[in-house]
């Protein structure tokens, strides 16, 4: 018999699900932001994500952002721009 060990441990608080979604099938254009966080290849990874999304959702408008430095939080002005310009956002990192 094989026994598996789950290294996650026990949660002290229950997970709280949230409802966030972006309907990419709507008739109007949807703007999706892609945020690279400054790790190596984060931009390259999001290039591939963008190609995959556009191949499935050609009406999608993609706006790219790059934090540029993985060791800092996103600057307030950058966060404001993402909030104002995008209907949704995918944040990613590389390595």
PDB file of N, CA and C in Angstrom:
ATOM      1  N   UNK A   1       0.837  -1.178   0.000  1.00  0.00           N
ATOM      2  CA  UNK A   1       0.000   0.000   0.000  1.00  0.00           C
ATOM      3  C   UNK A   1       0.882   1.242   0.000  1.00  0.00           C
ATOM      4  N   UNK A   2       0.546   2.186  -0.874  1.00  0.00           N
ATOM      5  CA  UNK A   2       1.277   3.456  -0.942  1.00  0.00           C
ATOM      6  C   UNK A   2       0.517   4.489  -0.134  1.00  0.00           C
ATOM      7  N   UNK A   3       1.251   5.179   0.703  1.00  0.00           N
ATOM      8  CA  UNK A   3       0.649   6.216   1.519  1.00  0.00           C
ATOM      9  C   UNK A   3       1.252   7.557   1.124  1.00  0.00           C
ATOM     10  N   UNK A   4       0.412   8.561   0.905  1.00  0.00           N
ATOM     11  CA  UNK A   4       0.872   9.887   0.481  1.00  0.00           C
ATOM     12  C   UNK A   4       0.786  10.860   1.649  1.00  0.00           C
ATOM     13  N   UNK A   5       1.761  11.752   1.698  1.00  0.00           N
ATOM     14  CA  UNK A   5       1.798  12.781   2.727  1.00  0.00           C
ATOM     15  C   UNK A   5       1.529  14.127   2.072  1.00  0.00           C
ATOM     16  N   UNK A   6       0.565  14.860   2.565  1.00  0.00           N
ATOM     17  CA  UNK A   6       0.264  16.199   2.075  1.00  0.00           C
ATOM     18  C   UNK A   6       1.022  17.203   2.936  1.00  0.00           C
ATOM     19  N   UNK A   7       2.010  17.910   2.363  1.00  0.00           N
ATOM     20  CA  UNK A   7       2.845  18.814   3.166  1.00  0.00           C
ATOM     21  C   UNK A   7       2.214  20.175   3.447  1.00  0.00           C
ATOM     22  N   UNK A   8       0.962  20.388   3.033  1.00  0.00           N
ATOM     23  CA  UNK A   8       0.344  21.700   3.206  1.00  0.00           C
ATOM     24  C   UNK A   8       0.038  22.048   4.655  1.00  0.00           C
ATOM     25  N   UNK A   9      -0.199  21.074   5.469  1.00  0.00           N
ATOM     26  CA  UNK A   9      -0.545  21.360   6.855  1.00  0.00           C
ATOM     27  C   UNK A   9      -2.025  21.627   7.002  1.00  0.00           C
ATOM     28  N   UNK A  10      -2.431  21.963   8.202  1.00  0.00           N
ATOM     29  CA  UNK A  10      -3.832  22.196   8.511  1.00  0.00           C
ATOM     30  C   UNK A  10      -4.084  23.692   8.523  1.00  0.00           C
ATOM     31  N   UNK A  11      -5.165  24.121   7.880  1.00  0.00           N
ATOM     32  CA  UNK A  11      -5.524  25.543   7.886  1.00  0.00           C
ATOM     33  C   UNK A  11      -6.174  25.910   9.212  1.00  0.00           C
ATOM     34  N   UNK A  12      -5.797  27.051   9.727  1.00  0.00           N
ATOM     35  CA  UNK A  12      -6.414  27.531  10.965  1.00  0.00           C
ATOM     36  C   UNK A  12      -7.724  28.244  10.685  1.00  0.00           C
ATOM     37  N   UNK A  13      -7.829  28.840   9.512  1.00  0.00           N
ATOM     38  CA  UNK A  13      -9.074  29.497   9.119  1.00  0.00           C
ATOM     39  C   UNK A  13      -9.539  28.872   7.810  1.00  0.00           C
ATOM     40  N   UNK A  14     -10.826  28.753   7.632  1.00  0.00           N
ATOM     41  CA  UNK A  14     -11.324  28.150   6.395  1.00  0.00           C
ATOM     42  C   UNK A  14     -11.064  29.071   5.198  1.00  0.00           C
ATOM     43  N   UNK A  15     -10.903  28.457   4.038  1.00  0.00           N
ATOM     44  CA  UNK A  15     -10.742  29.232   2.815  1.00  0.00           C
ATOM     45  C   UNK A  15     -12.030  29.993   2.545  1.00  0.00           C
ATOM     46  N   UNK A  16     -11.888  31.227   2.083  1.00  0.00           N
ATOM     47  CA  UNK A  16     -13.054  32.050   1.771  1.00  0.00           C
ATOM     48  C   UNK A  16     -13.134  32.229   0.261  1.00  0.00           C
ATOM     49  N   UNK A  17     -14.054  31.532  -0.386  1.00  0.00           N
ATOM     50  CA  UNK A  17     -14.172  31.687  -1.835  1.00  0.00           C
ATOM     51  C   UNK A  17     -14.668  33.087  -2.190  1.00  0.00           C
ATOM     52  N   UNK A  18     -14.282  33.551  -3.353  1.00  0.00           N
ATOM     53  CA  UNK A  18     -14.740  34.848  -3.823  1.00  0.00           C
ATOM     54  C   UNK A  18     -15.138  34.714  -5.281  1.00  0.00           C
ATOM     55  N   UNK A  19     -16.029  35.558  -5.689  1.00  0.00           N
ATOM     56  CA  UNK A  19     -16.527  35.524  -7.056  1.00  0.00           C
ATOM     57  C   UNK A  19     -15.919  36.673  -7.845  1.00  0.00           C
ATOM     58  N   UNK A  20     -14.927  36.347  -8.625  1.00  0.00           N
ATOM     59  CA  UNK A  20     -14.356  37.308  -9.554  1.00  0.00           C
ATOM     60  C   UNK A  20     -14.391  36.654 -10.924  1.00  0.00           C
ATOM     61  N   UNK A  21     -14.880  37.361 -11.894  1.00  0.00           N
ATOM     62  CA  UNK A  21     -14.897  36.783 -13.232  1.00  0.00           C
ATOM     63  C   UNK A  21     -14.874  37.896 -14.261  1.00  0.00           C
ATOM     64  N   UNK A  22     -14.541  37.518 -15.458  1.00  0.00           N
ATOM     65  CA  UNK A  22     -14.509  38.438 -16.579  1.00  0.00           C
ATOM     66  C   UNK A  22     -15.031  37.666 -17.771  1.00  0.00           C
ATOM     67  N   UNK A  23     -16.189  38.061 -18.275  1.00  0.00           N
ATOM     68  CA  UNK A  23     -16.809  37.357 -19.384  1.00  0.00           C
ATOM     69  C   UNK A  23     -16.152  37.791 -20.692  1.00  0.00           C
ATOM     70  N   UNK A  24     -15.333  36.910 -21.239  1.00  0.00           N
ATOM     71  CA  UNK A  24     -14.621  37.231 -22.479  1.00  0.00           C
ATOM     72  C   UNK A  24     -15.476  36.988 -23.704  1.00  0.00           C
ATOM     73  N   UNK A  25     -16.672  36.461 -23.522  1.00  0.00           N
ATOM     74  CA  UNK A  25     -17.544  36.184 -24.653  1.00  0.00           C
ATOM     75  C   UNK A  25     -18.551  37.286 -24.921  1.00  0.00           C
ATOM     76  N   UNK A  26     -18.483  38.369 -24.179  1.00  0.00           N
ATOM     77  CA  UNK A  26     -19.433  39.469 -24.374  1.00  0.00           C
ATOM     78  C   UNK A  26     -19.205  40.128 -25.724  1.00  0.00           C
ATOM     79  N   UNK A  27     -20.235  40.813 -26.205  1.00  0.00           N
ATOM     80  CA  UNK A  27     -20.130  41.461 -27.517  1.00  0.00           C
ATOM     81  C   UNK A  27     -19.231  42.692 -27.484  1.00  0.00           C
ATOM     82  N   UNK A  28     -19.160  43.374 -26.351  1.00  0.00           N
ATOM     83  CA  UNK A  28     -18.304  44.550 -26.265  1.00  0.00           C
ATOM     84  C   UNK A  28     -16.863  44.135 -25.956  1.00  0.00           C
ATOM     85  N   UNK A  29     -15.938  45.007 -26.299  1.00  0.00           N
ATOM     86  CA  UNK A  29     -14.522  44.719 -26.061  1.00  0.00           C
ATOM     87  C   UNK A  29     -14.239  44.728 -24.563  1.00  0.00           C
ATOM     88  N   UNK A  30     -13.414  43.801 -24.146  1.00  0.00           N
ATOM     89  CA  UNK A  30     -12.983  43.710 -22.758  1.00  0.00           C
ATOM     90  C   UNK A  30     -11.490  43.980 -22.735  1.00  0.00           C
ATOM     91  N   UNK A  31     -11.046  44.806 -21.789  1.00  0.00           N
ATOM     92  CA  UNK A  31      -9.628  45.102 -21.656  1.00  0.00           C
ATOM     93  C   UNK A  31      -9.071  44.312 -20.487  1.00  0.00           C
ATOM     94  N   UNK A  32      -8.062  43.507 -20.796  1.00  0.00           N
ATOM     95  CA  UNK A  32      -7.409  42.684 -19.787  1.00  0.00           C
ATOM     96  C   UNK A  32      -5.969  43.142 -19.641  1.00  0.00           C
ATOM     97  N   UNK A  33      -5.566  43.454 -18.436  1.00  0.00           N
ATOM     98  CA  UNK A  33      -4.188  43.841 -18.172  1.00  0.00           C
ATOM     99  C   UNK A  33      -3.335  42.624 -17.862  1.00  0.00           C
ATOM    100  N   UNK A  34      -2.097  42.666 -18.301  1.00  0.00           N
ATOM    101  CA  UNK A  34      -1.116  41.631 -17.985  1.00  0.00           C
ATOM    102  C   UNK A  34       0.045  42.315 -17.278  1.00  0.00           C
ATOM    103  N   UNK A  35       0.294  41.936 -16.029  1.00  0.00           N
ATOM    104  CA  UNK A  35       1.323  42.581 -15.212  1.00  0.00           C
ATOM    105  C   UNK A  35       2.495  41.638 -14.980  1.00  0.00           C
ATOM    106  N   UNK A  36       3.643  42.005 -15.523  1.00  0.00           N
ATOM    107  CA  UNK A  36       4.895  41.294 -15.237  1.00  0.00           C
ATOM    108  C   UNK A  36       5.492  41.918 -13.987  1.00  0.00           C
ATOM    109  N   UNK A  37       6.033  41.066 -13.118  1.00  0.00           N
ATOM    110  CA  UNK A  37       6.484  41.620 -11.840  1.00  0.00           C
ATOM    111  C   UNK A  37       7.978  41.907 -11.764  1.00  0.00           C
ATOM    112  N   UNK A  38       8.709  41.680 -12.835  1.00  0.00           N
ATOM    113  CA  UNK A  38      10.127  42.011 -12.815  1.00  0.00           C
ATOM    114  C   UNK A  38      11.056  40.834 -12.653  1.00  0.00           C
ATOM    115  N   UNK A  39      10.540  39.646 -12.365  1.00  0.00           N
ATOM    116  CA  UNK A  39      11.401  38.466 -12.336  1.00  0.00           C
ATOM    117  C   UNK A  39      11.822  38.118 -13.757  1.00  0.00           C
ATOM    118  N   UNK A  40      12.968  37.459 -13.915  1.00  0.00           N
ATOM    119  CA  UNK A  40      13.388  37.045 -15.252  1.00  0.00           C
ATOM    120  C   UNK A  40      12.304  36.202 -15.929  1.00  0.00           C
ATOM    121  N   UNK A  41      12.076  36.478 -17.183  1.00  0.00           N
ATOM    122  CA  UNK A  41      11.117  35.774 -18.041  1.00  0.00           C
ATOM    123  C   UNK A  41       9.655  36.034 -17.721  1.00  0.00           C
ATOM    124  N   UNK A  42       9.346  36.942 -16.812  1.00  0.00           N
ATOM    125  CA  UNK A  42       7.937  37.238 -16.571  1.00  0.00           C
ATOM    126  C   UNK A  42       7.300  37.870 -17.798  1.00  0.00           C
ATOM    127  N   UNK A  43       8.032  38.708 -18.507  1.00  0.00           N
ATOM    128  CA  UNK A  43       7.523  39.316 -19.739  1.00  0.00           C
ATOM    129  C   UNK A  43       7.360  38.247 -20.816  1.00  0.00           C
ATOM    130  N   UNK A  44       8.345  37.366 -20.956  1.00  0.00           N
ATOM    131  CA  UNK A  44       8.251  36.300 -21.954  1.00  0.00           C
ATOM    132  C   UNK A  44       7.064  35.378 -21.674  1.00  0.00           C
ATOM    133  N   UNK A  45       6.842  35.063 -20.403  1.00  0.00           N
ATOM    134  CA  UNK A  45       5.706  34.219 -20.047  1.00  0.00           C
ATOM    135  C   UNK A  45       4.401  34.894 -20.440  1.00  0.00           C
ATOM    136  N   UNK A  46       4.269  36.189 -20.136  1.00  0.00           N
ATOM    137  CA  UNK A  46       3.035  36.895 -20.468  1.00  0.00           C
ATOM    138  C   UNK A  46       2.874  37.080 -21.973  1.00  0.00           C
ATOM    139  N   UNK A  47       3.977  37.099 -22.727  1.00  0.00           N
ATOM    140  CA  UNK A  47       3.871  37.083 -24.196  1.00  0.00           C
ATOM    141  C   UNK A  47       3.110  35.841 -24.642  1.00  0.00           C
ATOM    142  N   UNK A  48       3.458  34.699 -24.065  1.00  0.00           N
ATOM    143  CA  UNK A  48       2.793  33.437 -24.412  1.00  0.00           C
ATOM    144  C   UNK A  48       1.335  33.442 -23.946  1.00  0.00           C
ATOM    145  N   UNK A  49       1.080  33.988 -22.760  1.00  0.00           N
ATOM    146  CA  UNK A  49      -0.298  34.082 -22.254  1.00  0.00           C
ATOM    147  C   UNK A  49      -1.128  34.953 -23.193  1.00  0.00           C
ATOM    148  N   UNK A  50      -0.569  36.078 -23.609  1.00  0.00           N
ATOM    149  CA  UNK A  50      -1.292  36.983 -24.508  1.00  0.00           C
ATOM    150  C   UNK A  50      -1.625  36.293 -25.829  1.00  0.00           C
ATOM    151  N   UNK A  51      -0.651  35.599 -26.421  1.00  0.00           N
ATOM    152  CA  UNK A  51      -0.911  34.888 -27.685  1.00  0.00           C
ATOM    153  C   UNK A  51      -2.023  33.859 -27.514  1.00  0.00           C
ATOM    154  N   UNK A  52      -1.975  33.111 -26.421  1.00  0.00           N
ATOM    155  CA  UNK A  52      -2.998  32.086 -26.177  1.00  0.00           C
ATOM    156  C   UNK A  52      -4.381  32.715 -25.999  1.00  0.00           C
ATOM    157  N   UNK A  53      -4.450  33.789 -25.246  1.00  0.00           N
ATOM    158  CA  UNK A  53      -5.739  34.452 -25.029  1.00  0.00           C
ATOM    159  C   UNK A  53      -6.301  35.015 -26.330  1.00  0.00           C
ATOM    160  N   UNK A  54      -5.452  35.696 -27.100  1.00  0.00           N
ATOM    161  CA  UNK A  54      -5.926  36.307 -28.343  1.00  0.00           C
ATOM    162  C   UNK A  54      -6.319  35.272 -29.386  1.00  0.00           C
ATOM    163  N   UNK A  55      -5.705  34.104 -29.348  1.00  0.00           N
ATOM    164  CA  UNK A  55      -6.096  33.060 -30.296  1.00  0.00           C
ATOM    165  C   UNK A  55      -7.499  32.537 -29.991  1.00  0.00           C
ATOM    166  N   UNK A  56      -7.917  32.639 -28.735  1.00  0.00           N
ATOM    167  CA  UNK A  56      -9.240  32.168 -28.338  1.00  0.00           C
ATOM    168  C   UNK A  56     -10.266  33.291 -28.238  1.00  0.00           C
ATOM    169  N   UNK A  57      -9.804  34.504 -27.983  1.00  0.00           N
ATOM    170  CA  UNK A  57     -10.688  35.659 -27.800  1.00  0.00           C
ATOM    171  C   UNK A  57     -10.141  36.828 -28.619  1.00  0.00           C
ATOM    172  N   UNK A  58     -10.334  36.819 -29.933  1.00  0.00           N
ATOM    173  CA  UNK A  58      -9.710  37.839 -30.778  1.00  0.00           C
ATOM    174  C   UNK A  58     -10.177  39.269 -30.506  1.00  0.00           C
ATOM    175  N   UNK A  59     -11.361  39.448 -29.888  1.00  0.00           N
ATOM    176  CA  UNK A  59     -11.845  40.801 -29.582  1.00  0.00           C
ATOM    177  C   UNK A  59     -11.233  41.364 -28.303  1.00  0.00           C
ATOM    178  N   UNK A  60     -10.509  40.549 -27.579  1.00  0.00           N
ATOM    179  CA  UNK A  60      -9.912  40.970 -26.325  1.00  0.00           C
ATOM    180  C   UNK A  60      -8.882  42.072 -26.560  1.00  0.00           C
ATOM    181  N   UNK A  61      -8.946  43.101 -25.747  1.00  0.00           N
ATOM    182  CA  UNK A  61      -7.948  44.163 -25.770  1.00  0.00           C
ATOM    183  C   UNK A  61      -6.981  43.892 -24.617  1.00  0.00           C
ATOM    184  N   UNK A  62      -5.697  43.775 -24.933  1.00  0.00           N
ATOM    185  CA  UNK A  62      -4.694  43.474 -23.917  1.00  0.00           C
ATOM    186  C   UNK A  62      -3.838  44.707 -23.679  1.00  0.00           C
ATOM    187  N   UNK A  63      -3.682  45.061 -22.422  1.00  0.00           N
ATOM    188  CA  UNK A  63      -2.814  46.181 -22.040  1.00  0.00           C
ATOM    189  C   UNK A  63      -1.721  45.621 -21.146  1.00  0.00           C
ATOM    190  N   UNK A  64      -0.484  45.911 -21.504  1.00  0.00           N
ATOM    191  CA  UNK A  64       0.656  45.335 -20.780  1.00  0.00           C
ATOM    192  C   UNK A  64       1.211  46.317 -19.749  1.00  0.00           C
ATOM    193  N   UNK A  65       1.619  45.755 -18.621  1.00  0.00           N
ATOM    194  CA  UNK A  65       2.249  46.518 -17.551  1.00  0.00           C
ATOM    195  C   UNK A  65       3.460  45.736 -17.067  1.00  0.00           C
ATOM    196  N   UNK A  66       4.458  46.450 -16.586  1.00  0.00           N
ATOM    197  CA  UNK A  66       5.665  45.795 -16.072  1.00  0.00           C
ATOM    198  C   UNK A  66       6.119  46.549 -14.828  1.00  0.00           C
ATOM    199  N   UNK A  67       6.069  45.868 -13.698  1.00  0.00           N
ATOM    200  CA  UNK A  67       6.490  46.486 -12.437  1.00  0.00           C
ATOM    201  C   UNK A  67       7.982  46.773 -12.463  1.00  0.00           C
ATOM    202  N   UNK A  68       8.732  45.938 -13.181  1.00  0.00           N
ATOM    203  CA  UNK A  68      10.149  46.200 -13.387  1.00  0.00           C
ATOM    204  C   UNK A  68      11.082  45.759 -12.280  1.00  0.00           C
ATOM    205  N   UNK A  69      10.587  45.630 -11.076  1.00  0.00           N
ATOM    206  CA  UNK A  69      11.436  45.262  -9.947  1.00  0.00           C
ATOM    207  C   UNK A  69      10.638  44.330  -9.047  1.00  0.00           C
ATOM    208  N   UNK A  70      11.054  43.091  -8.989  1.00  0.00           N
ATOM    209  CA  UNK A  70      10.306  42.090  -8.225  1.00  0.00           C
ATOM    210  C   UNK A  70      10.339  42.334  -6.721  1.00  0.00           C
ATOM    211  N   UNK A  71      11.252  43.166  -6.246  1.00  0.00           N
ATOM    212  CA  UNK A  71      11.399  43.347  -4.802  1.00  0.00           C
ATOM    213  C   UNK A  71      10.577  44.500  -4.236  1.00  0.00           C
ATOM    214  N   UNK A  72       9.790  45.160  -5.074  1.00  0.00           N
ATOM    215  CA  UNK A  72       8.967  46.271  -4.588  1.00  0.00           C
ATOM    216  C   UNK A  72       7.492  45.983  -4.865  1.00  0.00           C
ATOM    217  N   UNK A  73       6.624  46.643  -4.120  1.00  0.00           N
ATOM    218  CA  UNK A  73       5.193  46.580  -4.433  1.00  0.00           C
ATOM    219  C   UNK A  73       4.949  47.469  -5.648  1.00  0.00           C
ATOM    220  N   UNK A  74       3.875  47.217  -6.340  1.00  0.00           N
ATOM    221  CA  UNK A  74       3.547  48.036  -7.502  1.00  0.00           C
ATOM    222  C   UNK A  74       3.315  49.476  -7.046  1.00  0.00           C
ATOM    223  N   UNK A  75       3.925  50.423  -7.734  1.00  0.00           N
ATOM    224  CA  UNK A  75       3.736  51.829  -7.363  1.00  0.00           C
ATOM    225  C   UNK A  75       2.264  52.243  -7.456  1.00  0.00           C
ATOM    226  N   UNK A  76       1.876  53.175  -6.623  1.00  0.00           N
ATOM    227  CA  UNK A  76       0.488  53.634  -6.563  1.00  0.00           C
ATOM    228  C   UNK A  76      -0.015  54.097  -7.924  1.00  0.00           C
ATOM    229  N   UNK A  77       0.809  54.817  -8.662  1.00  0.00           N
ATOM    230  CA  UNK A  77       0.385  55.312  -9.980  1.00  0.00           C
ATOM    231  C   UNK A  77       0.130  54.156 -10.946  1.00  0.00           C
ATOM    232  N   UNK A  78       0.954  53.117 -10.885  1.00  0.00           N
ATOM    233  CA  UNK A  78       0.764  51.955 -11.745  1.00  0.00           C
ATOM    234  C   UNK A  78      -0.523  51.220 -11.377  1.00  0.00           C
ATOM    235  N   UNK A  79      -0.777  51.049 -10.095  1.00  0.00           N
ATOM    236  CA  UNK A  79      -2.010  50.396  -9.653  1.00  0.00           C
ATOM    237  C   UNK A  79      -3.224  51.199 -10.120  1.00  0.00           C
ATOM    238  N   UNK A  80      -3.167  52.509  -9.980  1.00  0.00           N
ATOM    239  CA  UNK A  80      -4.277  53.362 -10.414  1.00  0.00           C
ATOM    240  C   UNK A  80      -4.513  53.224 -11.913  1.00  0.00           C
ATOM    241  N   UNK A  81      -3.446  53.175 -12.693  1.00  0.00           N
ATOM    242  CA  UNK A  81      -3.574  53.014 -14.143  1.00  0.00           C
ATOM    243  C   UNK A  81      -4.229  51.674 -14.484  1.00  0.00           C
ATOM    244  N   UNK A  82      -3.811  50.619 -13.809  1.00  0.00           N
ATOM    245  CA  UNK A  82      -4.395  49.304 -14.067  1.00  0.00           C
ATOM    246  C   UNK A  82      -5.878  49.283 -13.700  1.00  0.00           C
ATOM    247  N   UNK A  83      -6.223  49.870 -12.566  1.00  0.00           N
ATOM    248  CA  UNK A  83      -7.621  49.907 -12.121  1.00  0.00           C
ATOM    249  C   UNK A  83      -8.470  50.709 -13.098  1.00  0.00           C
ATOM    250  N   UNK A  84      -7.959  51.841 -13.548  1.00  0.00           N
ATOM    251  CA  UNK A  84      -8.732  52.717 -14.429  1.00  0.00           C
ATOM    252  C   UNK A  84      -8.843  52.196 -15.857  1.00  0.00           C
ATOM    253  N   UNK A  85      -7.823  51.484 -16.338  1.00  0.00           N
ATOM    254  CA  UNK A  85      -7.771  51.106 -17.751  1.00  0.00           C
ATOM    255  C   UNK A  85      -8.215  49.682 -18.042  1.00  0.00           C
ATOM    256  N   UNK A  86      -8.370  48.838 -17.035  1.00  0.00           N
ATOM    257  CA  UNK A  86      -8.604  47.411 -17.288  1.00  0.00           C
ATOM    258  C   UNK A  86      -9.860  46.916 -16.603  1.00  0.00           C
ATOM    259  N   UNK A  87     -10.499  45.949 -17.263  1.00  0.00           N
ATOM    260  CA  UNK A  87     -11.656  45.268 -16.671  1.00  0.00           C
ATOM    261  C   UNK A  87     -11.211  44.108 -15.786  1.00  0.00           C
ATOM    262  N   UNK A  88     -10.012  43.591 -16.040  1.00  0.00           N
ATOM    263  CA  UNK A  88      -9.444  42.487 -15.272  1.00  0.00           C
ATOM    264  C   UNK A  88      -7.939  42.508 -15.425  1.00  0.00           C
ATOM    265  N   UNK A  89      -7.240  41.724 -14.625  1.00  0.00           N
ATOM    266  CA  UNK A  89      -5.786  41.732 -14.644  1.00  0.00           C
ATOM    267  C   UNK A  89      -5.241  40.346 -14.316  1.00  0.00           C
ATOM    268  N   UNK A  90      -4.210  39.952 -15.032  1.00  0.00           N
ATOM    269  CA  UNK A  90      -3.463  38.748 -14.698  1.00  0.00           C
ATOM    270  C   UNK A  90      -2.077  39.205 -14.289  1.00  0.00           C
ATOM    271  N   UNK A  91      -1.682  38.865 -13.079  1.00  0.00           N
ATOM    272  CA  UNK A  91      -0.335  39.171 -12.598  1.00  0.00           C
ATOM    273  C   UNK A  91       0.480  37.902 -12.669  1.00  0.00           C
ATOM    274  N   UNK A  92       1.703  38.011 -13.152  1.00  0.00           N
ATOM    275  CA  UNK A  92       2.524  36.809 -13.326  1.00  0.00           C
ATOM    276  C   UNK A  92       3.964  37.126 -13.001  1.00  0.00           C
ATOM    277  N   UNK A  93       4.699  36.066 -12.744  1.00  0.00           N
ATOM    278  CA  UNK A  93       6.125  36.202 -12.500  1.00  0.00           C
ATOM    279  C   UNK A  93       6.863  35.110 -13.248  1.00  0.00           C
ATOM    280  N   UNK A  94       8.116  35.311 -13.451  1.00  0.00           N
ATOM    281  CA  UNK A  94       8.929  34.329 -14.171  1.00  0.00           C
ATOM    282  C   UNK A  94      10.017  33.773 -13.295  1.00  0.00           C
ATOM    283  N   UNK A  95      10.855  32.959 -13.880  1.00  0.00           N
ATOM    284  CA  UNK A  95      12.054  32.398 -13.261  1.00  0.00           C
ATOM    285  C   UNK A  95      12.681  31.459 -14.225  1.00  0.00           C
TER     286      UNK A  95
END
